[in-house]
Amino acid sequence: MSSTAHFVRSVFALGIAQVLSWVGAIVLAIVLPRYLGDEHLGKLAFALACTELMGLAADLGGATYLAKEIARAPARAGALTVNALAMRLPLSLLIAGVAMVAVSHAGYDPLTKQVLLLLCLGVVLGTAAKVVSATLQGLQQMKPLAAMPLATKLGYAALAAAFLLHGAGLLTVAAASVAGTALGLAIGAGALLRRVRPPLRLEAAACWTIVAGGLPFFVWQAALIVYGQIDSVMLSLLTRDAVVGWYAAAYRIVTIPLFMPVIISTVIFPALAAAADLPTYARIAQQAVRVVVLASLPIVLGIMLLADRIIELFGYPGSFASSIAPMVLLAPHILLVGVDMMIGTVLNTRDRQRQWALAAVAAAVLNPLLNLAAIPYTQAVYHNGAIGAAAVTTLTEVFMFAVGLRLLPAGVFGRATIVEAAKCAAAGLGMAATVWLTRDLPIVAPVLLGAAAYGCGCLASGAVSLGELRQVRLHLLARRPAPASA
């Protein structure tokens, strides 16, 4: 099968799963603010931010390194996976135990403590799930890889919605999150055991290799999560739970469309790691950036122009009107995150992860420094510190984008990439005008008319051609080659 056909089929397979998990994300975006309210949503967002930081410490960057090495040496998948689990699981248990002790003696209210303690169990399960998904990614097993987050998100959404509709509260929602993680892990582990026979012995050399190889990725991921989650923690410290809830509602809506760059980076990572020559490598990378820009731009414009209508559509309580401004400021972050993910994937697969990690460290320092000024200022002036946090989040991604462009190796992106992005932008202008002129109609009208305007604009500007659409259709409908007989 050609690399293009594999790319299209893999993206399609992951896309189907992500569309279904998108349903779960939308359900959570609707029910959590409506039934928890801004204060309890703020408590949940704070607890999730803290436990995500714990999960990062338990992983130590090993999942990304694991996927990269297995893509290069699939025969080592079993040994690498077993050794990774042997290190990560005890570490995650230790971190969860320390966190439980620390939380028990912290000055938080009893409900926040209980939620944090319950989510610590999710840290242990999530660590194992990361190892399993990294192995599946390295083996380019996209169907089970797609099934894991699908089961996790849909399971969480279904349980949380059912509990909330029957009068349950915040603690039960946290339990639903842990149950969703357990379900995803069970599905991934079952799929992996059908494909890989893990050895029953540990290799000290392999353990050390995973630790050393994962450290640059850990630095990058640590900085990434710090500047991605520190805003919720700082909002909790500098404002009140309701403000954290406003920000969490806006952030949850804005991050729903990020499934597309996640799909693309998941597909291209092993392909780039295994690419033998620069022309093939550059073609894969350029194709990925083009798809991300093409898919993300209309979503960014739609959220910016219809933020208030989305809040109204989801039926949030009146206090969540304070989420509108943060949504508008966070919307450009969708496109920036997508492109930055592609840049990061290129740098990581070209063994420039150390430089990218240093850029993320700089962003992790810059973000809280800016938040120290922006959150108190916007809280004092607008009574909404979430506005400052949202602006800083987007500015941080601008910083990462600028640094990433400087770090890219020569020959990967060039003038052609800029031209393709400009074609998408031209189509986006037509879409924005259409949405703005029709935004007072029932929301389905500006959405459908805007999508039609963007599609026509892409064809008119050459961002997409009819020939490419036919080619994608052929790749999706073509029969897979039969496996070679033994």
Protein backbone atom coordinates (compact mmCIF):
# COMPACT_ATOMS: atom_id res chain seq x y z
CA MET A 1 0.00 0.00 0.00
CA SER A 2 1.34 3.48 -0.85
CA SER A 3 2.28 5.91 1.93
CA THR A 4 -0.55 8.24 0.83
CA ALA A 5 -3.10 5.43 0.95
CA HIS A 6 -1.85 4.37 4.39
CA PHE A 7 -2.05 7.99 5.58
CA VAL A 8 -5.62 8.41 4.31
CA ARG A 9 -6.83 5.08 5.70
CA SER A 10 -5.16 5.62 9.07
CA VAL A 11 -6.52 9.13 9.42
CA PHE A 12 -9.97 7.87 8.42
CA ALA A 13 -9.86 5.01 10.95
CA LEU A 14 -8.77 7.29 13.76
CA GLY A 15 -11.16 9.96 12.55
CA ILE A 16 -14.19 7.69 12.87
CA ALA A 17 -13.20 6.87 16.44
CA GLN A 18 -12.51 10.51 17.22
CA VAL A 19 -15.87 11.62 15.84
CA LEU A 20 -17.53 9.16 18.22
CA SER A 21 -15.35 10.30 21.11
CA TRP A 22 -16.16 13.85 20.05
CA VAL A 23 -19.75 12.99 20.95
CA GLY A 24 -18.53 12.12 24.44
CA ALA A 25 -16.60 15.38 24.68
CA ILE A 26 -19.67 17.36 23.63
CA VAL A 27 -21.80 15.52 26.19
CA LEU A 28 -19.31 16.44 28.91
CA ALA A 29 -19.11 20.02 27.67
CA ILE A 30 -22.89 20.27 28.00
CA VAL A 31 -23.68 18.36 31.19
CA LEU A 32 -20.75 19.25 33.46
CA PRO A 33 -21.37 23.03 33.58
CA ARG A 34 -25.16 22.59 33.61
CA TYR A 35 -25.31 20.11 36.49
CA LEU A 36 -22.15 20.88 38.47
CA GLY A 37 -22.29 24.66 38.27
CA ASP A 38 -19.31 26.97 38.03
CA GLU A 39 -17.89 26.33 41.53
CA HIS A 40 -17.92 22.53 41.40
CA LEU A 41 -16.70 22.57 37.79
CA GLY A 42 -13.83 24.72 39.00
CA LYS A 43 -12.98 22.17 41.70
CA LEU A 44 -13.01 19.36 39.12
CA ALA A 45 -10.80 21.33 36.69
CA PHE A 46 -8.30 22.04 39.46
CA ALA A 47 -8.18 18.36 40.52
CA LEU A 48 -7.75 17.15 36.94
CA ALA A 49 -4.93 19.64 36.36
CA CYS A 50 -3.12 18.40 39.47
CA THR A 51 -3.48 14.72 38.60
CA GLU A 52 -2.33 15.34 35.01
CA LEU A 53 0.88 16.77 36.43
CA MET A 54 1.22 13.62 38.56
CA GLY A 55 0.67 11.42 35.52
CA LEU A 56 3.43 13.25 33.70
CA ALA A 57 5.88 12.54 36.51
CA ALA A 58 4.93 8.86 36.40
CA ASP A 59 5.51 8.58 32.65
CA LEU A 60 8.88 10.40 32.47
CA GLY A 61 8.53 10.78 28.70
CA GLY A 62 8.76 7.04 28.19
CA ALA A 63 5.60 6.67 26.10
CA THR A 64 6.84 8.89 23.27
CA TYR A 65 10.27 7.24 23.26
CA LEU A 66 8.62 3.81 23.30
CA ALA A 67 6.52 4.55 20.21
CA LYS A 68 9.56 5.88 18.36
CA GLU A 69 11.79 2.89 19.15
CA ILE A 70 9.11 0.28 18.42
CA ALA A 71 8.43 1.93 15.04
CA ARG A 72 12.11 1.47 14.24
CA ALA A 73 12.38 -2.07 15.69
CA PRO A 74 8.95 -3.79 15.87
CA ALA A 75 10.51 -7.08 16.96
CA ARG A 76 11.49 -5.44 20.26
CA ALA A 77 7.90 -4.41 21.07
CA GLY A 78 7.29 -7.07 23.74
CA ALA A 79 10.54 -6.54 25.62
CA LEU A 80 10.31 -2.75 25.55
CA THR A 81 6.69 -2.78 26.72
CA VAL A 82 7.33 -5.12 29.65
CA ASN A 83 10.33 -3.13 30.84
CA ALA A 84 8.44 0.15 30.51
CA LEU A 85 5.56 -1.18 32.60
CA ALA A 86 7.96 -2.59 35.19
CA MET A 87 9.36 0.89 35.78
CA ARG A 88 6.29 3.06 35.32
CA LEU A 89 3.75 1.22 37.47
CA PRO A 90 5.76 1.27 40.74
CA LEU A 91 6.65 4.92 40.08
CA SER A 92 3.00 5.84 39.53
CA LEU A 93 1.99 4.06 42.75
CA LEU A 94 4.68 5.96 44.65
CA ILE A 95 3.60 9.31 43.19
CA ALA A 96 -0.08 8.59 43.91
CA GLY A 97 0.77 7.62 47.50
CA VAL A 98 2.80 10.78 48.10
CA ALA A 99 0.02 12.86 46.58
CA MET A 100 -2.60 11.26 48.82
CA VAL A 101 -0.56 12.07 51.91
CA ALA A 102 0.07 15.64 50.73
CA VAL A 103 -3.59 16.25 49.86
CA SER A 104 -4.75 14.91 53.23
CA HIS A 105 -2.69 17.59 54.99
CA ALA A 106 -3.38 20.45 52.54
CA GLY A 107 -5.72 23.34 53.20
CA TYR A 108 -8.35 22.44 50.61
CA ASP A 109 -12.01 21.90 51.43
CA PRO A 110 -13.07 18.28 52.10
CA LEU A 111 -14.80 17.80 48.73
CA THR A 112 -11.74 18.93 46.75
CA LYS A 113 -9.57 16.57 48.81
CA GLN A 114 -11.88 13.62 48.12
CA VAL A 115 -11.91 14.30 44.38
CA LEU A 116 -8.11 14.57 44.29
CA LEU A 117 -7.68 11.34 46.22
CA LEU A 118 -10.05 9.46 43.93
CA LEU A 119 -8.35 10.74 40.78
CA CYS A 120 -4.98 9.50 42.06
CA LEU A 121 -6.20 5.99 41.16
CA GLY A 122 -6.69 7.25 37.62
CA VAL A 123 -3.01 8.27 37.56
CA VAL A 124 -1.91 4.64 38.03
CA LEU A 125 -4.32 3.32 35.40
CA GLY A 126 -3.46 6.14 33.01
CA THR A 127 0.26 5.37 33.26
CA ALA A 128 -0.31 1.79 32.14
CA ALA A 129 -2.64 2.98 29.38
CA LYS A 130 0.07 5.31 28.01
CA VAL A 131 2.53 2.43 27.72
CA VAL A 132 -0.01 0.23 25.95
CA SER A 133 -1.07 2.96 23.51
CA ALA A 134 2.58 3.85 22.77
CA THR A 135 3.28 0.24 21.80
CA LEU A 136 0.21 0.11 19.56
CA GLN A 137 1.25 3.40 17.94
CA GLY A 138 4.78 2.16 17.29
CA LEU A 139 3.34 -0.98 15.67
CA GLN A 140 1.01 1.28 13.62
CA GLN A 141 -2.03 -0.62 14.94
CA MET A 142 -4.40 2.29 14.43
CA LYS A 143 -7.73 0.54 15.07
CA PRO A 144 -7.02 -0.61 18.65
CA LEU A 145 -5.12 2.64 19.22
CA ALA A 146 -8.26 4.52 18.24
CA ALA A 147 -10.48 2.26 20.36
CA MET A 148 -8.66 3.10 23.61
CA PRO A 149 -9.45 6.84 23.87
CA LEU A 150 -12.85 6.18 22.34
CA ALA A 151 -13.76 3.78 25.14
CA THR A 152 -12.21 6.07 27.75
CA LYS A 153 -14.06 9.20 26.65
CA LEU A 154 -17.38 7.59 25.83
CA GLY A 155 -17.31 5.56 29.02
CA TYR A 156 -16.57 8.65 31.09
CA ALA A 157 -19.21 10.73 29.31
CA ALA A 158 -21.91 8.07 29.54
CA LEU A 159 -21.32 7.37 33.23
CA ALA A 160 -20.98 11.04 34.18
CA ALA A 161 -24.14 12.00 32.29
CA ALA A 162 -26.11 9.09 33.78
CA PHE A 163 -24.94 9.90 37.30
CA LEU A 164 -25.63 13.63 36.99
CA LEU A 165 -29.08 13.10 35.51
CA HIS A 166 -29.91 10.95 38.54
CA GLY A 167 -28.82 13.61 40.99
CA ALA A 168 -25.23 12.55 41.70
CA GLY A 169 -22.51 15.08 42.40
CA LEU A 170 -18.88 15.92 41.84
CA LEU A 171 -17.37 12.90 43.56
CA THR A 172 -19.33 10.50 41.38
CA VAL A 173 -18.19 12.35 38.25
CA ALA A 174 -14.58 11.85 39.36
CA ALA A 175 -15.30 8.12 39.80
CA ALA A 176 -16.70 8.04 36.26
CA SER A 177 -13.43 9.52 34.98
CA VAL A 178 -11.43 6.75 36.64
CA ALA A 179 -13.82 4.08 35.31
CA GLY A 180 -13.41 5.43 31.77
CA THR A 181 -9.62 5.18 32.05
CA ALA A 182 -9.91 1.59 33.28
CA LEU A 183 -12.15 0.66 30.35
CA GLY A 184 -9.75 2.12 27.78
CA LEU A 185 -6.82 0.31 29.38
CA ALA A 186 -8.65 -3.03 29.33
CA ILE A 187 -9.44 -2.72 25.62
CA GLY A 188 -5.91 -1.65 24.70
CA ALA A 189 -4.26 -4.37 26.78
CA GLY A 190 -6.46 -7.03 25.22
CA ALA A 191 -5.61 -5.86 21.70
CA LEU A 192 -1.91 -5.69 22.49
CA LEU A 193 -1.75 -9.20 23.96
CA ARG A 194 -3.24 -10.57 20.74
CA ARG A 195 -0.39 -9.04 18.74
CA VAL A 196 2.64 -9.17 21.03
CA ARG A 197 3.92 -11.97 23.23
CA PRO A 198 5.63 -10.22 26.15
CA PRO A 199 8.72 -11.90 27.62
CA LEU A 200 8.67 -12.94 31.26
CA ARG A 201 12.01 -11.37 32.17
CA LEU A 202 13.31 -7.87 32.64
CA GLU A 203 16.35 -6.38 30.95
CA ALA A 204 18.36 -3.88 32.98
CA ALA A 205 19.87 -2.41 29.81
CA ALA A 206 16.43 -1.91 28.25
CA CYS A 207 15.14 -0.22 31.41
CA TRP A 208 18.05 2.21 31.41
CA THR A 209 17.63 2.88 27.69
CA ILE A 210 13.96 3.75 28.17
CA VAL A 211 14.76 6.06 31.09
CA ALA A 212 17.59 7.85 29.30
CA GLY A 213 15.80 8.00 25.97
CA GLY A 214 12.60 9.30 27.50
CA LEU A 215 14.14 12.16 29.47
CA PRO A 216 14.23 14.70 26.61
CA PHE A 217 10.60 13.88 25.84
CA PHE A 218 9.79 14.17 29.55
CA VAL A 219 11.28 17.66 29.73
CA TRP A 220 9.24 18.68 26.70
CA GLN A 221 6.02 17.07 27.96
CA ALA A 222 6.56 18.43 31.48
CA ALA A 223 6.91 21.94 30.19
CA LEU A 224 3.96 21.41 27.84
CA ILE A 225 1.66 20.26 30.62
CA VAL A 226 2.93 22.90 33.03
CA TYR A 227 2.09 25.75 30.68
CA GLY A 228 -1.11 23.94 29.63
CA GLN A 229 -2.42 23.26 33.14
CA ILE A 230 -0.79 25.86 35.37
CA ASP A 231 -3.44 28.40 34.40
CA SER A 232 -6.18 26.43 36.19
CA VAL A 233 -4.00 26.06 39.28
CA MET A 234 -3.10 29.76 39.28
CA LEU A 235 -6.72 30.76 38.75
CA SER A 236 -7.62 28.66 41.78
CA LEU A 237 -4.97 30.41 43.85
CA LEU A 238 -5.54 33.96 42.60
CA THR A 239 -9.33 34.03 42.11
CA ARG A 240 -12.18 31.73 43.19
CA ASP A 241 -13.67 28.39 42.13
CA ALA A 242 -16.35 30.01 39.94
CA VAL A 243 -13.70 31.77 37.79
CA VAL A 244 -11.88 28.45 37.35
CA GLY A 245 -15.24 27.00 36.27
CA TRP A 246 -15.74 29.72 33.64
CA TYR A 247 -12.32 29.05 32.23
CA ALA A 248 -12.80 25.28 32.37
CA ALA A 249 -16.07 25.51 30.43
CA ALA A 250 -14.47 27.68 27.71
CA TYR A 251 -11.38 25.47 27.55
CA ARG A 252 -13.40 22.26 27.34
CA ILE A 253 -15.39 23.58 24.37
CA VAL A 254 -12.33 24.90 22.57
CA THR A 255 -10.34 21.69 22.98
CA ILE A 256 -13.07 19.48 21.51
CA PRO A 257 -11.84 20.09 17.90
CA LEU A 258 -8.23 19.25 18.78
CA PHE A 259 -8.90 15.64 17.80
CA MET A 260 -7.74 16.36 14.24
CA PRO A 261 -4.10 17.28 15.01
CA VAL A 262 -4.01 14.44 17.54
CA ILE A 263 -5.05 12.01 14.79
CA ILE A 264 -2.54 13.39 12.32
CA SER A 265 0.39 13.37 14.75
CA THR A 266 -0.50 9.82 15.86
CA VAL A 267 -0.45 8.61 12.25
CA ILE A 268 2.66 10.43 11.05
CA PHE A 269 4.89 9.84 14.08
CA PRO A 270 5.83 6.22 13.26
CA ALA A 271 5.83 7.00 9.52
CA LEU A 272 8.29 9.88 9.98
CA ALA A 273 10.42 7.87 12.41
CA ALA A 274 10.76 5.12 9.80
CA ALA A 275 11.16 7.39 6.71
CA ALA A 276 14.37 6.56 4.90
CA ASP A 277 14.94 9.69 2.78
CA LEU A 278 14.32 13.44 3.12
CA PRO A 279 11.90 13.84 0.16
CA THR A 280 9.57 11.18 1.59
CA TYR A 281 9.93 12.68 5.05
CA ALA A 282 9.18 16.22 3.84
CA ARG A 283 6.17 15.06 1.82
CA ILE A 284 4.59 13.39 4.86
CA ALA A 285 5.25 16.41 7.10
CA GLN A 286 3.91 18.93 4.57
CA GLN A 287 0.80 16.87 3.98
CA ALA A 288 0.17 16.75 7.72
CA VAL A 289 0.46 20.53 8.21
CA ARG A 290 -1.77 21.18 5.24
CA VAL A 291 -4.54 18.92 6.59
CA VAL A 292 -4.30 20.47 10.06
CA VAL A 293 -4.61 24.04 8.75
CA LEU A 294 -7.39 23.08 6.36
CA ALA A 295 -9.45 21.41 9.11
CA SER A 296 -8.70 23.77 12.00
CA LEU A 297 -9.20 27.19 10.44
CA PRO A 298 -13.00 27.03 9.96
CA ILE A 299 -13.43 25.77 13.53
CA VAL A 300 -11.37 28.67 14.89
CA LEU A 301 -13.42 31.23 12.97
CA GLY A 302 -16.71 29.58 13.87
CA ILE A 303 -15.99 29.58 17.61
CA MET A 304 -14.79 33.19 17.57
CA LEU A 305 -17.90 34.39 15.74
CA LEU A 306 -20.46 32.20 17.51
CA ALA A 307 -19.10 31.88 21.06
CA ASP A 308 -22.18 33.40 22.68
CA ARG A 309 -24.50 31.26 20.55
CA ILE A 310 -22.63 28.10 21.60
CA ILE A 311 -23.04 28.94 25.29
CA GLU A 312 -26.73 29.55 24.64
CA LEU A 313 -27.07 26.32 22.64
CA PHE A 314 -25.54 24.24 25.45
CA GLY A 315 -27.98 25.71 27.95
CA TYR A 316 -25.42 26.78 30.53
CA PRO A 317 -26.53 28.71 33.63
CA GLY A 318 -26.39 32.48 33.27
CA SER A 319 -23.09 32.83 35.15
CA PHE A 320 -21.31 31.08 32.25
CA ALA A 321 -21.75 34.18 30.10
CA SER A 322 -18.35 34.95 31.61
CA SER A 323 -16.95 32.08 29.51
CA ILE A 324 -17.65 33.87 26.20
CA ALA A 325 -14.65 36.20 26.19
CA PRO A 326 -12.21 33.41 27.19
CA MET A 327 -13.63 31.24 24.37
CA VAL A 328 -12.96 33.96 21.79
CA LEU A 329 -9.40 34.41 23.05
CA LEU A 330 -8.74 30.66 23.20
CA ALA A 331 -10.10 29.87 19.73
CA PRO A 332 -6.89 30.76 17.77
CA HIS A 333 -5.08 28.40 20.11
CA ILE A 334 -6.77 25.49 18.22
CA LEU A 335 -4.87 26.21 15.00
CA LEU A 336 -1.65 27.09 16.80
CA VAL A 337 -1.68 23.90 18.87
CA GLY A 338 -2.31 21.83 15.75
CA VAL A 339 0.62 23.31 13.83
CA ASP A 340 2.86 23.21 16.91
CA MET A 341 2.06 19.51 17.30
CA MET A 342 3.20 18.89 13.73
CA ILE A 343 6.38 20.90 14.30
CA GLY A 344 7.05 18.99 17.52
CA THR A 345 6.51 15.67 15.77
CA VAL A 346 9.00 16.65 13.06
CA LEU A 347 11.60 17.75 15.62
CA ASN A 348 11.12 14.64 17.76
CA THR A 349 11.49 12.26 14.82
CA ARG A 350 14.57 14.14 13.54
CA ASP A 351 16.20 13.65 16.96
CA ARG A 352 15.89 17.33 17.83
CA GLN A 353 13.75 16.67 20.88
CA ARG A 354 16.25 18.35 23.20
CA GLN A 355 15.93 21.71 21.42
CA TRP A 356 12.15 21.40 21.39
CA ALA A 357 12.20 20.47 25.06
CA LEU A 358 14.18 23.62 25.86
CA ALA A 359 11.63 25.70 23.94
CA ALA A 360 8.84 24.15 26.00
CA VAL A 361 10.78 24.88 29.21
CA ALA A 362 11.03 28.52 28.17
CA ALA A 363 7.26 28.54 27.51
CA ALA A 364 6.64 26.94 30.92
CA VAL A 365 8.53 29.81 32.53
CA LEU A 366 6.93 32.49 30.35
CA ASN A 367 3.34 31.31 30.87
CA PRO A 368 3.10 31.60 34.67
CA LEU A 369 5.02 34.88 34.64
CA LEU A 370 2.50 36.36 32.22
CA ASN A 371 -0.37 34.85 34.19
CA LEU A 372 0.91 36.48 37.38
CA ALA A 373 0.20 39.81 35.72
CA ALA A 374 -2.74 38.96 33.43
CA ILE A 375 -4.97 37.06 35.87
CA PRO A 376 -4.98 39.68 38.68
CA TYR A 377 -5.35 42.51 36.14
CA THR A 378 -8.36 41.04 34.33
CA GLN A 379 -9.87 39.92 37.64
CA ALA A 380 -9.64 43.48 38.97
CA VAL A 381 -10.77 45.24 35.78
CA TYR A 382 -13.31 42.76 34.34
CA HIS A 383 -14.00 40.62 37.45
CA ASN A 384 -12.96 37.67 35.30
CA GLY A 385 -9.40 36.39 35.63
CA ALA A 386 -10.22 33.70 33.03
CA ILE A 387 -9.84 36.39 30.34
CA GLY A 388 -6.19 36.88 31.28
CA ALA A 389 -5.52 33.14 31.47
CA ALA A 390 -7.05 32.59 28.03
CA ALA A 391 -5.01 35.37 26.43
CA VAL A 392 -1.79 34.03 27.95
CA THR A 393 -2.56 30.48 26.77
CA THR A 394 -2.85 31.63 23.16
CA LEU A 395 0.22 33.87 23.42
CA THR A 396 2.22 30.91 24.74
CA GLU A 397 1.32 28.89 21.64
CA VAL A 398 2.41 31.83 19.47
CA PHE A 399 5.76 31.72 21.23
CA MET A 400 6.09 27.96 20.64
CA PHE A 401 5.18 28.41 16.99
CA ALA A 402 7.84 31.09 16.45
CA VAL A 403 10.55 29.06 18.19
CA GLY A 404 9.52 25.86 16.41
CA LEU A 405 9.90 27.50 13.01
CA ARG A 406 13.46 28.48 13.93
CA LEU A 407 14.30 24.92 14.99
CA LEU A 408 12.92 23.13 11.93
CA PRO A 409 15.55 21.44 9.77
CA ALA A 410 16.03 22.82 6.27
CA GLY A 411 13.98 21.25 3.51
CA VAL A 412 10.99 20.10 5.55
CA PHE A 413 8.71 23.12 5.09
CA GLY A 414 9.08 25.98 2.65
CA ARG A 415 7.34 28.48 0.44
CA ALA A 416 4.81 25.89 -0.76
CA THR A 417 3.57 25.39 2.80
CA ILE A 418 3.00 29.13 3.21
CA VAL A 419 1.12 29.28 -0.09
CA GLU A 420 -1.17 26.43 0.97
CA ALA A 421 -1.89 28.15 4.28
CA ALA A 422 -2.69 31.41 2.43
CA LYS A 423 -5.19 29.57 0.24
CA CYS A 424 -6.96 28.27 3.34
CA ALA A 425 -6.96 31.77 4.83
CA ALA A 426 -8.59 33.16 1.69
CA ALA A 427 -11.33 30.56 1.95
CA GLY A 428 -11.69 31.40 5.64
CA LEU A 429 -12.38 35.08 4.88
CA GLY A 430 -15.39 34.12 2.79
CA MET A 431 -16.62 31.80 5.51
CA ALA A 432 -16.21 34.47 8.22
CA ALA A 433 -18.24 36.98 6.20
CA THR A 434 -21.00 34.42 5.67
CA VAL A 435 -21.17 33.45 9.34
CA TRP A 436 -21.17 37.07 10.50
CA LEU A 437 -24.01 38.03 8.17
CA THR A 438 -26.15 35.08 9.28
CA ARG A 439 -25.20 34.78 12.99
CA ASP A 440 -28.59 36.04 14.20
CA LEU A 441 -30.41 33.20 12.45
CA PRO A 442 -30.91 29.84 14.21
CA ILE A 443 -27.38 28.57 14.83
CA VAL A 444 -27.66 25.71 12.33
CA ALA A 445 -27.92 28.30 9.52
CA PRO A 446 -24.56 30.08 10.04
CA VAL A 447 -22.87 26.73 10.70
CA LEU A 448 -24.09 25.07 7.50
CA LEU A 449 -23.80 28.17 5.33
CA GLY A 450 -20.34 28.89 6.71
CA ALA A 451 -19.21 25.32 6.02
CA ALA A 452 -20.54 25.54 2.47
CA ALA A 453 -18.80 28.89 1.94
CA TYR A 454 -15.52 27.47 3.24
CA GLY A 455 -15.76 24.38 1.02
CA CYS A 456 -16.47 26.47 -2.05
CA GLY A 457 -13.68 28.87 -1.09
CA CYS A 458 -11.19 26.01 -0.75
CA LEU A 459 -12.06 24.75 -4.22
CA ALA A 460 -11.92 28.25 -5.70
CA SER A 461 -8.57 29.12 -4.09
CA GLY A 462 -7.02 25.77 -4.91
CA ALA A 463 -6.60 24.77 -1.24
CA VAL A 464 -8.33 21.54 -2.26
CA SER A 465 -8.90 20.15 -5.73
CA LEU A 466 -11.59 17.84 -7.05
CA GLY A 467 -8.85 15.44 -8.12
CA GLU A 468 -7.60 15.19 -4.52
CA LEU A 469 -11.09 14.54 -3.24
CA ARG A 470 -11.53 11.76 -5.78
CA GLN A 471 -8.16 10.30 -4.79
CA VAL A 472 -9.12 10.25 -1.10
CA ARG A 473 -12.38 8.54 -2.01
CA LEU A 474 -10.53 5.89 -4.02
CA HIS A 475 -8.10 5.22 -1.15
CA LEU A 476 -10.99 4.75 1.26
CA LEU A 477 -12.98 2.47 -1.04
CA ALA A 478 -10.08 0.43 -2.42
CA ARG A 479 -9.70 -3.10 -1.14
CA ARG A 480 -6.83 -3.78 1.23
CA PRO A 481 -4.15 -6.06 -0.19
CA ALA A 482 -4.51 -9.64 0.98
CA PRO A 483 -1.88 -10.73 3.50
CA ALA A 484 0.92 -12.83 2.07
CA SER A 485 0.57 -16.52 2.71
CA ALA A 486 3.10 -18.15 4.96
